[in-house]
């Protein structure tokens, strides 16, 4: 008899917990932000390109990234044909600093 009471109490607790979980979206629905934009609207060109420095001092392999909000084009040097920065002589992870390659005039497409 004692086991039946304990079992019924545990089943009641489980049932109440399930009802609370199921009712939560109806009681306090999550906020929706349909008009929010991504933090960075970037297009990363597939593959690795041969990038020329804007001042004409040289070339380096790297990734081309376009900021879709402003039209700015950035080059992220990788140093090799690998799609990520790698410097085998250094044991620390490599960090690629971008340099400006140019800009697309997206605002002229409305004319």
PDB file of N, CA and C in Angstrom:
ATOM      1  N   UNK A   1       0.815  -1.189   0.000  1.00  0.00           N
ATOM      2  CA  UNK A   1       0.000   0.000   0.000  1.00  0.00           C
ATOM      3  C   UNK A   1       0.862   1.258   0.000  1.00  0.00           C
ATOM      4  N   UNK A   2       1.960   1.208   0.742  1.00  0.00           N
ATOM      5  CA  UNK A   2       2.844   2.367   0.843  1.00  0.00           C
ATOM      6  C   UNK A   2       3.515   2.651  -0.506  1.00  0.00           C
ATOM      7  N   UNK A   3       3.847   1.594  -1.268  1.00  0.00           N
ATOM      8  CA  UNK A   3       4.471   1.773  -2.574  1.00  0.00           C
ATOM      9  C   UNK A   3       3.513   2.445  -3.552  1.00  0.00           C
ATOM     10  N   UNK A   4       2.229   2.122  -3.471  1.00  0.00           N
ATOM     11  CA  UNK A   4       1.252   2.718  -4.375  1.00  0.00           C
ATOM     12  C   UNK A   4       1.140   4.223  -4.147  1.00  0.00           C
ATOM     13  N   UNK A   5       1.168   4.653  -2.907  1.00  0.00           N
ATOM     14  CA  UNK A   5       1.072   6.080  -2.601  1.00  0.00           C
ATOM     15  C   UNK A   5       2.305   6.809  -3.132  1.00  0.00           C
ATOM     16  N   UNK A   6       3.481   6.240  -2.913  1.00  0.00           N
ATOM     17  CA  UNK A   6       4.721   6.848  -3.393  1.00  0.00           C
ATOM     18  C   UNK A   6       4.738   6.908  -4.921  1.00  0.00           C
ATOM     19  N   UNK A   7       4.306   5.845  -5.569  1.00  0.00           N
ATOM     20  CA  UNK A   7       4.253   5.819  -7.029  1.00  0.00           C
ATOM     21  C   UNK A   7       3.293   6.873  -7.551  1.00  0.00           C
ATOM     22  N   UNK A   8       2.129   6.996  -6.941  1.00  0.00           N
ATOM     23  CA  UNK A   8       1.147   7.992  -7.381  1.00  0.00           C
ATOM     24  C   UNK A   8       1.663   9.416  -7.179  1.00  0.00           C
ATOM     25  N   UNK A   9       2.380   9.659  -6.092  1.00  0.00           N
ATOM     26  CA  UNK A   9       2.939  10.991  -5.852  1.00  0.00           C
ATOM     27  C   UNK A   9       3.998  11.317  -6.903  1.00  0.00           C
ATOM     28  N   UNK A  10       4.868  10.359  -7.205  1.00  0.00           N
ATOM     29  CA  UNK A  10       5.898  10.585  -8.219  1.00  0.00           C
ATOM     30  C   UNK A  10       5.286  10.798  -9.603  1.00  0.00           C
ATOM     31  N   UNK A  11       4.255  10.042  -9.943  1.00  0.00           N
ATOM     32  CA  UNK A  11       3.582  10.230 -11.227  1.00  0.00           C
ATOM     33  C   UNK A  11       2.906  11.596 -11.299  1.00  0.00           C
ATOM     34  N   UNK A  12       2.336  12.042 -10.190  1.00  0.00           N
ATOM     35  CA  UNK A  12       1.707  13.362 -10.159  1.00  0.00           C
ATOM     36  C   UNK A  12       2.750  14.464 -10.344  1.00  0.00           C
ATOM     37  N   UNK A  13       3.910  14.319  -9.712  1.00  0.00           N
ATOM     38  CA  UNK A  13       4.982  15.310  -9.873  1.00  0.00           C
ATOM     39  C   UNK A  13       5.456  15.351 -11.324  1.00  0.00           C
ATOM     40  N   UNK A  14       5.610  14.194 -11.939  1.00  0.00           N
ATOM     41  CA  UNK A  14       6.029  14.129 -13.341  1.00  0.00           C
ATOM     42  C   UNK A  14       4.978  14.769 -14.242  1.00  0.00           C
ATOM     43  N   UNK A  15       3.709  14.486 -13.986  1.00  0.00           N
ATOM     44  CA  UNK A  15       2.638  15.059 -14.801  1.00  0.00           C
ATOM     45  C   UNK A  15       2.601  16.578 -14.666  1.00  0.00           C
ATOM     46  N   UNK A  16       2.763  17.091 -13.457  1.00  0.00           N
ATOM     47  CA  UNK A  16       2.760  18.544 -13.252  1.00  0.00           C
ATOM     48  C   UNK A  16       3.953  19.185 -13.958  1.00  0.00           C
ATOM     49  N   UNK A  17       5.107  18.537 -13.894  1.00  0.00           N
ATOM     50  CA  UNK A  17       6.295  19.069 -14.565  1.00  0.00           C
ATOM     51  C   UNK A  17       6.105  19.096 -16.080  1.00  0.00           C
ATOM     52  N   UNK A  18       5.512  18.062 -16.639  1.00  0.00           N
ATOM     53  CA  UNK A  18       5.267  18.027 -18.082  1.00  0.00           C
ATOM     54  C   UNK A  18       4.268  19.091 -18.511  1.00  0.00           C
ATOM     55  N   UNK A  19       3.235  19.308 -17.712  1.00  0.00           N
ATOM     56  CA  UNK A  19       2.259  20.360 -18.025  1.00  0.00           C
ATOM     57  C   UNK A  19       2.937  21.726 -17.969  1.00  0.00           C
ATOM     58  N   UNK A  20       3.809  21.938 -16.983  1.00  0.00           N
ATOM     59  CA  UNK A  20       4.517  23.215 -16.877  1.00  0.00           C
ATOM     60  C   UNK A  20       5.421  23.443 -18.089  1.00  0.00           C
ATOM     61  N   UNK A  21       6.099  22.394 -18.535  1.00  0.00           N
ATOM     62  CA  UNK A  21       6.966  22.520 -19.707  1.00  0.00           C
ATOM     63  C   UNK A  21       6.142  22.789 -20.963  1.00  0.00           C
ATOM     64  N   UNK A  22       5.017  22.096 -21.110  1.00  0.00           N
ATOM     65  CA  UNK A  22       4.185  22.263 -22.302  1.00  0.00           C
ATOM     66  C   UNK A  22       3.469  23.607 -22.319  1.00  0.00           C
ATOM     67  N   UNK A  23       3.122  24.154 -21.163  1.00  0.00           N
ATOM     68  CA  UNK A  23       2.363  25.406 -21.106  1.00  0.00           C
ATOM     69  C   UNK A  23       3.256  26.638 -21.181  1.00  0.00           C
ATOM     70  N   UNK A  24       4.539  26.487 -20.969  1.00  0.00           N
ATOM     71  CA  UNK A  24       5.432  27.647 -20.931  1.00  0.00           C
ATOM     72  C   UNK A  24       5.408  28.483 -22.211  1.00  0.00           C
ATOM     73  N   UNK A  25       5.447  27.900 -23.415  1.00  0.00           N
ATOM     74  CA  UNK A  25       5.396  28.737 -24.619  1.00  0.00           C
ATOM     75  C   UNK A  25       4.092  29.522 -24.757  1.00  0.00           C
ATOM     76  N   UNK A  26       3.014  29.023 -24.185  1.00  0.00           N
ATOM     77  CA  UNK A  26       1.737  29.729 -24.273  1.00  0.00           C
ATOM     78  C   UNK A  26       1.625  30.823 -23.220  1.00  0.00           C
ATOM     79  N   UNK A  27       2.229  30.611 -22.062  1.00  0.00           N
ATOM     80  CA  UNK A  27       2.153  31.593 -20.984  1.00  0.00           C
ATOM     81  C   UNK A  27       3.104  32.759 -21.250  1.00  0.00           C
ATOM     82  N   UNK A  28       4.329  32.473 -21.620  1.00  0.00           N
ATOM     83  CA  UNK A  28       5.303  33.531 -21.924  1.00  0.00           C
ATOM     84  C   UNK A  28       6.037  33.170 -23.217  1.00  0.00           C
ATOM     85  N   UNK A  29       5.455  33.531 -24.377  1.00  0.00           N
ATOM     86  CA  UNK A  29       6.086  33.178 -25.651  1.00  0.00           C
ATOM     87  C   UNK A  29       7.396  33.943 -25.838  1.00  0.00           C
ATOM     88  N   UNK A  30       8.335  33.348 -26.565  1.00  0.00           N
ATOM     89  CA  UNK A  30       9.612  34.029 -26.802  1.00  0.00           C
ATOM     90  C   UNK A  30       9.418  35.233 -27.725  1.00  0.00           C
ATOM     91  N   UNK A  31      10.256  36.242 -27.551  1.00  0.00           N
ATOM     92  CA  UNK A  31      10.166  37.425 -28.398  1.00  0.00           C
ATOM     93  C   UNK A  31      10.684  37.105 -29.794  1.00  0.00           C
ATOM     94  N   UNK A  32      10.120  37.768 -30.770  1.00  0.00           N
ATOM     95  CA  UNK A  32      10.481  37.553 -32.163  1.00  0.00           C
ATOM     96  C   UNK A  32      11.060  38.850 -32.714  1.00  0.00           C
ATOM     97  N   UNK A  33      12.162  38.744 -33.424  1.00  0.00           N
ATOM     98  CA  UNK A  33      12.794  39.913 -34.026  1.00  0.00           C
ATOM     99  C   UNK A  33      12.994  39.642 -35.513  1.00  0.00           C
ATOM    100  N   UNK A  34      11.923  39.780 -36.282  1.00  0.00           N
ATOM    101  CA  UNK A  34      11.978  39.454 -37.702  1.00  0.00           C
ATOM    102  C   UNK A  34      12.791  40.466 -38.499  1.00  0.00           C
ATOM    103  N   UNK A  35      12.906  41.692 -38.006  1.00  0.00           N
ATOM    104  CA  UNK A  35      13.611  42.711 -38.759  1.00  0.00           C
ATOM    105  C   UNK A  35      15.073  42.852 -38.370  1.00  0.00           C
ATOM    106  N   UNK A  36      15.543  42.034 -37.467  1.00  0.00           N
ATOM    107  CA  UNK A  36      16.940  42.157 -37.055  1.00  0.00           C
ATOM    108  C   UNK A  36      17.847  41.559 -38.124  1.00  0.00           C
ATOM    109  N   UNK A  37      18.946  42.229 -38.365  1.00  0.00           N
ATOM    110  CA  UNK A  37      19.913  41.768 -39.359  1.00  0.00           C
ATOM    111  C   UNK A  37      21.044  41.021 -38.660  1.00  0.00           C
ATOM    112  N   UNK A  38      21.776  40.300 -39.436  1.00  0.00           N
ATOM    113  CA  UNK A  38      22.931  39.601 -38.885  1.00  0.00           C
ATOM    114  C   UNK A  38      23.958  40.625 -38.406  1.00  0.00           C
ATOM    115  N   UNK A  39      24.773  40.230 -37.463  1.00  0.00           N
ATOM    116  CA  UNK A  39      25.781  41.146 -36.929  1.00  0.00           C
ATOM    117  C   UNK A  39      26.723  41.615 -38.038  1.00  0.00           C
ATOM    118  N   UNK A  40      27.118  40.723 -38.904  1.00  0.00           N
ATOM    119  CA  UNK A  40      27.993  41.073 -40.019  1.00  0.00           C
ATOM    120  C   UNK A  40      27.460  40.382 -41.265  1.00  0.00           C
ATOM    121  N   UNK A  41      26.990  41.166 -42.227  1.00  0.00           N
ATOM    122  CA  UNK A  41      26.513  40.608 -43.489  1.00  0.00           C
ATOM    123  C   UNK A  41      27.712  40.505 -44.429  1.00  0.00           C
ATOM    124  N   UNK A  42      28.402  39.385 -44.355  1.00  0.00           N
ATOM    125  CA  UNK A  42      29.617  39.193 -45.134  1.00  0.00           C
ATOM    126  C   UNK A  42      29.453  38.061 -46.133  1.00  0.00           C
ATOM    127  N   UNK A  43      30.060  38.239 -47.299  1.00  0.00           N
ATOM    128  CA  UNK A  43      30.156  37.160 -48.271  1.00  0.00           C
ATOM    129  C   UNK A  43      31.629  36.776 -48.361  1.00  0.00           C
ATOM    130  N   UNK A  44      31.926  35.516 -48.106  1.00  0.00           N
ATOM    131  CA  UNK A  44      33.304  35.024 -48.168  1.00  0.00           C
ATOM    132  C   UNK A  44      33.453  34.223 -49.456  1.00  0.00           C
ATOM    133  N   UNK A  45      34.280  34.729 -50.337  1.00  0.00           N
ATOM    134  CA  UNK A  45      34.503  34.097 -51.634  1.00  0.00           C
ATOM    135  C   UNK A  45      35.099  32.708 -51.429  1.00  0.00           C
ATOM    136  N   UNK A  46      34.538  31.680 -52.088  1.00  0.00           N
ATOM    137  CA  UNK A  46      35.108  30.344 -51.935  1.00  0.00           C
ATOM    138  C   UNK A  46      36.501  30.269 -52.565  1.00  0.00           C
ATOM    139  N   UNK A  47      37.324  29.470 -51.985  1.00  0.00           N
ATOM    140  CA  UNK A  47      38.669  29.288 -52.516  1.00  0.00           C
ATOM    141  C   UNK A  47      39.633  30.356 -52.036  1.00  0.00           C
ATOM    142  N   UNK A  48      40.856  30.234 -52.496  1.00  0.00           N
ATOM    143  CA  UNK A  48      41.921  31.173 -52.140  1.00  0.00           C
ATOM    144  C   UNK A  48      42.333  31.911 -53.408  1.00  0.00           C
ATOM    145  N   UNK A  49      42.496  33.218 -53.301  1.00  0.00           N
ATOM    146  CA  UNK A  49      42.849  34.052 -54.452  1.00  0.00           C
ATOM    147  C   UNK A  49      44.241  34.639 -54.253  1.00  0.00           C
ATOM    148  N   UNK A  50      44.846  35.047 -55.364  1.00  0.00           N
ATOM    149  CA  UNK A  50      46.109  35.767 -55.302  1.00  0.00           C
ATOM    150  C   UNK A  50      45.766  37.247 -55.129  1.00  0.00           C
ATOM    151  N   UNK A  51      46.036  37.800 -53.959  1.00  0.00           N
ATOM    152  CA  UNK A  51      45.664  39.176 -53.639  1.00  0.00           C
ATOM    153  C   UNK A  51      46.849  40.101 -53.876  1.00  0.00           C
ATOM    154  N   UNK A  52      46.576  41.251 -54.522  1.00  0.00           N
ATOM    155  CA  UNK A  52      47.612  42.270 -54.704  1.00  0.00           C
ATOM    156  C   UNK A  52      47.430  43.346 -53.654  1.00  0.00           C
ATOM    157  N   UNK A  53      48.525  43.755 -53.025  1.00  0.00           N
ATOM    158  CA  UNK A  53      48.454  44.854 -52.064  1.00  0.00           C
ATOM    159  C   UNK A  53      48.078  46.136 -52.807  1.00  0.00           C
ATOM    160  N   UNK A  54      47.233  46.982 -52.214  1.00  0.00           N
ATOM    161  CA  UNK A  54      46.791  48.202 -52.900  1.00  0.00           C
ATOM    162  C   UNK A  54      47.940  49.143 -53.277  1.00  0.00           C
ATOM    163  N   UNK A  55      49.012  49.138 -52.510  1.00  0.00           N
ATOM    164  CA  UNK A  55      50.134  50.028 -52.831  1.00  0.00           C
ATOM    165  C   UNK A  55      51.079  49.425 -53.872  1.00  0.00           C
ATOM    166  N   UNK A  56      50.778  48.219 -54.338  1.00  0.00           N
ATOM    167  CA  UNK A  56      51.565  47.590 -55.392  1.00  0.00           C
ATOM    168  C   UNK A  56      52.879  46.993 -54.936  1.00  0.00           C
ATOM    169  N   UNK A  57      53.065  46.799 -53.642  1.00  0.00           N
ATOM    170  CA  UNK A  57      54.340  46.278 -53.142  1.00  0.00           C
ATOM    171  C   UNK A  57      54.475  44.771 -53.263  1.00  0.00           C
ATOM    172  N   UNK A  58      53.388  44.062 -53.491  1.00  0.00           N
ATOM    173  CA  UNK A  58      53.516  42.617 -53.599  1.00  0.00           C
ATOM    174  C   UNK A  58      52.185  41.909 -53.688  1.00  0.00           C
ATOM    175  N   UNK A  59      52.280  40.590 -53.638  1.00  0.00           N
ATOM    176  CA  UNK A  59      51.105  39.741 -53.724  1.00  0.00           C
ATOM    177  C   UNK A  59      51.172  38.690 -52.632  1.00  0.00           C
ATOM    178  N   UNK A  60      49.996  38.178 -52.260  1.00  0.00           N
ATOM    179  CA  UNK A  60      49.921  37.143 -51.241  1.00  0.00           C
ATOM    180  C   UNK A  60      48.645  36.340 -51.485  1.00  0.00           C
ATOM    181  N   UNK A  61      48.678  35.063 -51.133  1.00  0.00           N
ATOM    182  CA  UNK A  61      47.465  34.261 -51.194  1.00  0.00           C
ATOM    183  C   UNK A  61      46.549  34.649 -50.040  1.00  0.00           C
ATOM    184  N   UNK A  62      45.239  34.601 -50.308  1.00  0.00           N
ATOM    185  CA  UNK A  62      44.308  34.932 -49.237  1.00  0.00           C
ATOM    186  C   UNK A  62      42.859  34.775 -49.648  1.00  0.00           C
ATOM    187  N   UNK A  63      41.974  35.060 -48.694  1.00  0.00           N
ATOM    188  CA  UNK A  63      40.529  34.980 -48.896  1.00  0.00           C
ATOM    189  C   UNK A  63      39.993  36.372 -49.200  1.00  0.00           C
ATOM    190  N   UNK A  64      38.987  36.446 -50.075  1.00  0.00           N
ATOM    191  CA  UNK A  64      38.318  37.702 -50.397  1.00  0.00           C
ATOM    192  C   UNK A  64      36.986  37.722 -49.664  1.00  0.00           C
ATOM    193  N   UNK A  65      36.735  38.816 -48.938  1.00  0.00           N
ATOM    194  CA  UNK A  65      35.508  38.970 -48.160  1.00  0.00           C
ATOM    195  C   UNK A  65      34.849  40.276 -48.574  1.00  0.00           C
ATOM    196  N   UNK A  66      33.525  40.225 -48.849  1.00  0.00           N
ATOM    197  CA  UNK A  66      32.764  41.414 -49.233  1.00  0.00           C
ATOM    198  C   UNK A  66      31.765  41.719 -48.135  1.00  0.00           C
ATOM    199  N   UNK A  67      31.786  42.961 -47.642  1.00  0.00           N
ATOM    200  CA  UNK A  67      30.788  43.432 -46.684  1.00  0.00           C
ATOM    201  C   UNK A  67      29.561  43.832 -47.491  1.00  0.00           C
ATOM    202  N   UNK A  68      28.471  43.089 -47.368  1.00  0.00           N
ATOM    203  CA  UNK A  68      27.291  43.306 -48.194  1.00  0.00           C
ATOM    204  C   UNK A  68      26.523  44.563 -47.812  1.00  0.00           C
ATOM    205  N   UNK A  69      26.791  45.137 -46.654  1.00  0.00           N
ATOM    206  CA  UNK A  69      26.110  46.374 -46.263  1.00  0.00           C
ATOM    207  C   UNK A  69      26.792  47.596 -46.861  1.00  0.00           C
ATOM    208  N   UNK A  70      28.110  47.609 -46.896  1.00  0.00           N
ATOM    209  CA  UNK A  70      28.844  48.788 -47.348  1.00  0.00           C
ATOM    210  C   UNK A  70      29.485  48.612 -48.721  1.00  0.00           C
ATOM    211  N   UNK A  71      29.661  47.389 -49.180  1.00  0.00           N
ATOM    212  CA  UNK A  71      30.306  47.133 -50.455  1.00  0.00           C
ATOM    213  C   UNK A  71      31.817  47.067 -50.379  1.00  0.00           C
ATOM    214  N   UNK A  72      32.380  47.223 -49.187  1.00  0.00           N
ATOM    215  CA  UNK A  72      33.834  47.177 -49.049  1.00  0.00           C
ATOM    216  C   UNK A  72      34.338  45.754 -49.272  1.00  0.00           C
ATOM    217  N   UNK A  73      35.480  45.666 -49.945  1.00  0.00           N
ATOM    218  CA  UNK A  73      36.093  44.376 -50.250  1.00  0.00           C
ATOM    219  C   UNK A  73      37.390  44.289 -49.459  1.00  0.00           C
ATOM    220  N   UNK A  74      37.530  43.193 -48.729  1.00  0.00           N
ATOM    221  CA  UNK A  74      38.690  43.000 -47.871  1.00  0.00           C
ATOM    222  C   UNK A  74      39.440  41.753 -48.297  1.00  0.00           C
ATOM    223  N   UNK A  75      40.746  41.781 -48.135  1.00  0.00           N
ATOM    224  CA  UNK A  75      41.581  40.616 -48.367  1.00  0.00           C
ATOM    225  C   UNK A  75      42.175  40.149 -47.056  1.00  0.00           C
ATOM    226  N   UNK A  76      41.983  38.878 -46.748  1.00  0.00           N
ATOM    227  CA  UNK A  76      42.554  38.281 -45.541  1.00  0.00           C
ATOM    228  C   UNK A  76      43.684  37.353 -45.972  1.00  0.00           C
ATOM    229  N   UNK A  77      44.939  37.750 -45.785  1.00  0.00           N
ATOM    230  CA  UNK A  77      46.046  36.903 -46.223  1.00  0.00           C
ATOM    231  C   UNK A  77      46.111  35.591 -45.451  1.00  0.00           C
ATOM    232  N   UNK A  78      46.338  34.512 -46.186  1.00  0.00           N
ATOM    233  CA  UNK A  78      46.520  33.207 -45.551  1.00  0.00           C
ATOM    234  C   UNK A  78      47.979  32.764 -45.616  1.00  0.00           C
ATOM    235  N   UNK A  79      48.737  33.351 -46.520  1.00  0.00           N
ATOM    236  CA  UNK A  79      50.154  33.003 -46.637  1.00  0.00           C
ATOM    237  C   UNK A  79      50.420  31.809 -47.524  1.00  0.00           C
ATOM    238  N   UNK A  80      49.475  30.883 -47.600  1.00  0.00           N
ATOM    239  CA  UNK A  80      49.616  29.687 -48.440  1.00  0.00           C
ATOM    240  C   UNK A  80      48.300  29.475 -49.180  1.00  0.00           C
ATOM    241  N   UNK A  81      48.213  28.392 -49.930  1.00  0.00           N
ATOM    242  CA  UNK A  81      46.975  28.089 -50.635  1.00  0.00           C
ATOM    243  C   UNK A  81      45.939  27.440 -49.722  1.00  0.00           C
ATOM    244  N   UNK A  82      46.279  27.277 -48.448  1.00  0.00           N
ATOM    245  CA  UNK A  82      45.303  26.761 -47.485  1.00  0.00           C
ATOM    246  C   UNK A  82      44.201  27.802 -47.287  1.00  0.00           C
ATOM    247  N   UNK A  83      42.959  27.368 -47.020  1.00  0.00           N
ATOM    248  CA  UNK A  83      41.861  28.329 -46.849  1.00  0.00           C
ATOM    249  C   UNK A  83      41.851  29.015 -45.489  1.00  0.00           C
ATOM    250  N   UNK A  84      42.864  28.801 -44.696  1.00  0.00           N
ATOM    251  CA  UNK A  84      42.960  29.414 -43.373  1.00  0.00           C
ATOM    252  C   UNK A  84      44.409  29.855 -43.176  1.00  0.00           C
ATOM    253  N   UNK A  85      44.650  30.845 -42.323  1.00  0.00           N
ATOM    254  CA  UNK A  85      46.034  31.281 -42.119  1.00  0.00           C
ATOM    255  C   UNK A  85      46.853  30.207 -41.415  1.00  0.00           C
ATOM    256  N   UNK A  86      47.974  29.881 -41.988  1.00  0.00           N
ATOM    257  CA  UNK A  86      48.828  28.862 -41.371  1.00  0.00           C
ATOM    258  C   UNK A  86      50.287  29.248 -41.565  1.00  0.00           C
ATOM    259  N   UNK A  87      51.017  29.207 -40.479  1.00  0.00           N
ATOM    260  CA  UNK A  87      52.448  29.459 -40.490  1.00  0.00           C
ATOM    261  C   UNK A  87      53.098  28.297 -39.752  1.00  0.00           C
ATOM    262  N   UNK A  88      53.603  27.304 -40.482  1.00  0.00           N
ATOM    263  CA  UNK A  88      54.082  26.072 -39.854  1.00  0.00           C
ATOM    264  C   UNK A  88      55.261  26.272 -38.903  1.00  0.00           C
ATOM    265  N   UNK A  89      55.996  27.360 -39.022  1.00  0.00           N
ATOM    266  CA  UNK A  89      57.152  27.571 -38.152  1.00  0.00           C
ATOM    267  C   UNK A  89      56.761  28.126 -36.790  1.00  0.00           C
ATOM    268  N   UNK A  90      55.528  28.592 -36.664  1.00  0.00           N
ATOM    269  CA  UNK A  90      55.068  29.169 -35.400  1.00  0.00           C
ATOM    270  C   UNK A  90      54.065  28.215 -34.765  1.00  0.00           C
ATOM    271  N   UNK A  91      54.217  27.950 -33.479  1.00  0.00           N
ATOM    272  CA  UNK A  91      53.329  26.995 -32.809  1.00  0.00           C
ATOM    273  C   UNK A  91      52.010  27.628 -32.372  1.00  0.00           C
ATOM    274  N   UNK A  92      51.928  28.963 -32.360  1.00  0.00           N
ATOM    275  CA  UNK A  92      50.688  29.635 -31.969  1.00  0.00           C
ATOM    276  C   UNK A  92      49.735  29.696 -33.163  1.00  0.00           C
ATOM    277  N   UNK A  93      48.420  29.753 -32.914  1.00  0.00           N
ATOM    278  CA  UNK A  93      47.472  29.908 -34.017  1.00  0.00           C
ATOM    279  C   UNK A  93      47.701  31.236 -34.747  1.00  0.00           C
ATOM    280  N   UNK A  94      47.654  31.189 -36.055  1.00  0.00           N
ATOM    281  CA  UNK A  94      47.897  32.381 -36.862  1.00  0.00           C
ATOM    282  C   UNK A  94      46.650  33.253 -36.917  1.00  0.00           C
ATOM    283  N   UNK A  95      46.848  34.559 -36.951  1.00  0.00           N
ATOM    284  CA  UNK A  95      45.754  35.525 -37.070  1.00  0.00           C
ATOM    285  C   UNK A  95      45.976  36.308 -38.354  1.00  0.00           C
ATOM    286  N   UNK A  96      44.956  36.357 -39.193  1.00  0.00           N
ATOM    287  CA  UNK A  96      45.041  37.069 -40.458  1.00  0.00           C
ATOM    288  C   UNK A  96      44.385  38.438 -40.311  1.00  0.00           C
ATOM    289  N   UNK A  97      45.140  39.502 -40.546  1.00  0.00           N
ATOM    290  CA  UNK A  97      44.629  40.870 -40.468  1.00  0.00           C
ATOM    291  C   UNK A  97      44.245  41.330 -41.876  1.00  0.00           C
ATOM    292  N   UNK A  98      43.034  41.876 -42.043  1.00  0.00           N
ATOM    293  CA  UNK A  98      42.579  42.237 -43.387  1.00  0.00           C
ATOM    294  C   UNK A  98      43.219  43.527 -43.898  1.00  0.00           C
ATOM    295  N   UNK A  99      43.230  43.654 -45.218  1.00  0.00           N
ATOM    296  CA  UNK A  99      43.579  44.926 -45.843  1.00  0.00           C
ATOM    297  C   UNK A  99      42.548  45.199 -46.928  1.00  0.00           C
ATOM    298  N   UNK A 100      42.300  46.483 -47.169  1.00  0.00           N
ATOM    299  CA  UNK A 100      41.248  46.898 -48.107  1.00  0.00           C
ATOM    300  C   UNK A 100      41.696  46.635 -49.537  1.00  0.00           C
ATOM    301  N   UNK A 101      40.786  46.056 -50.322  1.00  0.00           N
ATOM    302  CA  UNK A 101      41.061  45.809 -51.733  1.00  0.00           C
ATOM    303  C   UNK A 101      40.292  46.764 -52.635  1.00  0.00           C
ATOM    304  N   UNK A 102      39.137  47.212 -52.179  1.00  0.00           N
ATOM    305  CA  UNK A 102      38.312  48.089 -53.003  1.00  0.00           C
ATOM    306  C   UNK A 102      36.924  48.212 -52.423  1.00  0.00           C
ATOM    307  N   UNK A 103      35.987  48.652 -53.277  1.00  0.00           N
ATOM    308  CA  UNK A 103      34.612  48.843 -52.826  1.00  0.00           C
ATOM    309  C   UNK A 103      33.675  48.715 -54.014  1.00  0.00           C
ATOM    310  N   UNK A 104      32.554  48.032 -53.805  1.00  0.00           N
ATOM    311  CA  UNK A 104      31.472  47.988 -54.779  1.00  0.00           C
ATOM    312  C   UNK A 104      30.512  49.124 -54.471  1.00  0.00           C
ATOM    313  N   UNK A 105      30.104  49.883 -55.474  1.00  0.00           N
ATOM    314  CA  UNK A 105      29.169  50.993 -55.278  1.00  0.00           C
ATOM    315  C   UNK A 105      27.744  50.458 -55.406  1.00  0.00           C
ATOM    316  N   UNK A 106      27.268  49.782 -54.352  1.00  0.00           N
ATOM    317  CA  UNK A 106      25.921  49.218 -54.374  1.00  0.00           C
ATOM    318  C   UNK A 106      24.854  50.293 -54.512  1.00  0.00           C
ATOM    319  N   UNK A 107      25.137  51.503 -54.033  1.00  0.00           N
ATOM    320  CA  UNK A 107      24.135  52.568 -54.093  1.00  0.00           C
ATOM    321  C   UNK A 107      23.841  53.000 -55.530  1.00  0.00           C
ATOM    322  N   UNK A 108      24.747  52.736 -56.469  1.00  0.00           N
ATOM    323  CA  UNK A 108      24.524  53.111 -57.865  1.00  0.00           C
ATOM    324  C   UNK A 108      23.571  52.167 -58.583  1.00  0.00           C
ATOM    325  N   UNK A 109      23.221  51.054 -57.988  1.00  0.00           N
ATOM    326  CA  UNK A 109      22.307  50.121 -58.645  1.00  0.00           C
ATOM    327  C   UNK A 109      20.873  50.621 -58.631  1.00  0.00           C
ATOM    328  N   UNK A 110      20.567  51.639 -57.820  1.00  0.00           N
ATOM    329  CA  UNK A 110      19.210  52.197 -57.772  1.00  0.00           C
ATOM    330  C   UNK A 110      18.961  53.213 -58.872  1.00  0.00           C
ATOM    331  N   UNK A 111      19.980  53.611 -59.598  1.00  0.00           N
ATOM    332  CA  UNK A 111      19.841  54.670 -60.614  1.00  0.00           C
ATOM    333  C   UNK A 111      19.305  54.133 -61.906  1.00  0.00           C
TER     334      UNK A 111
END
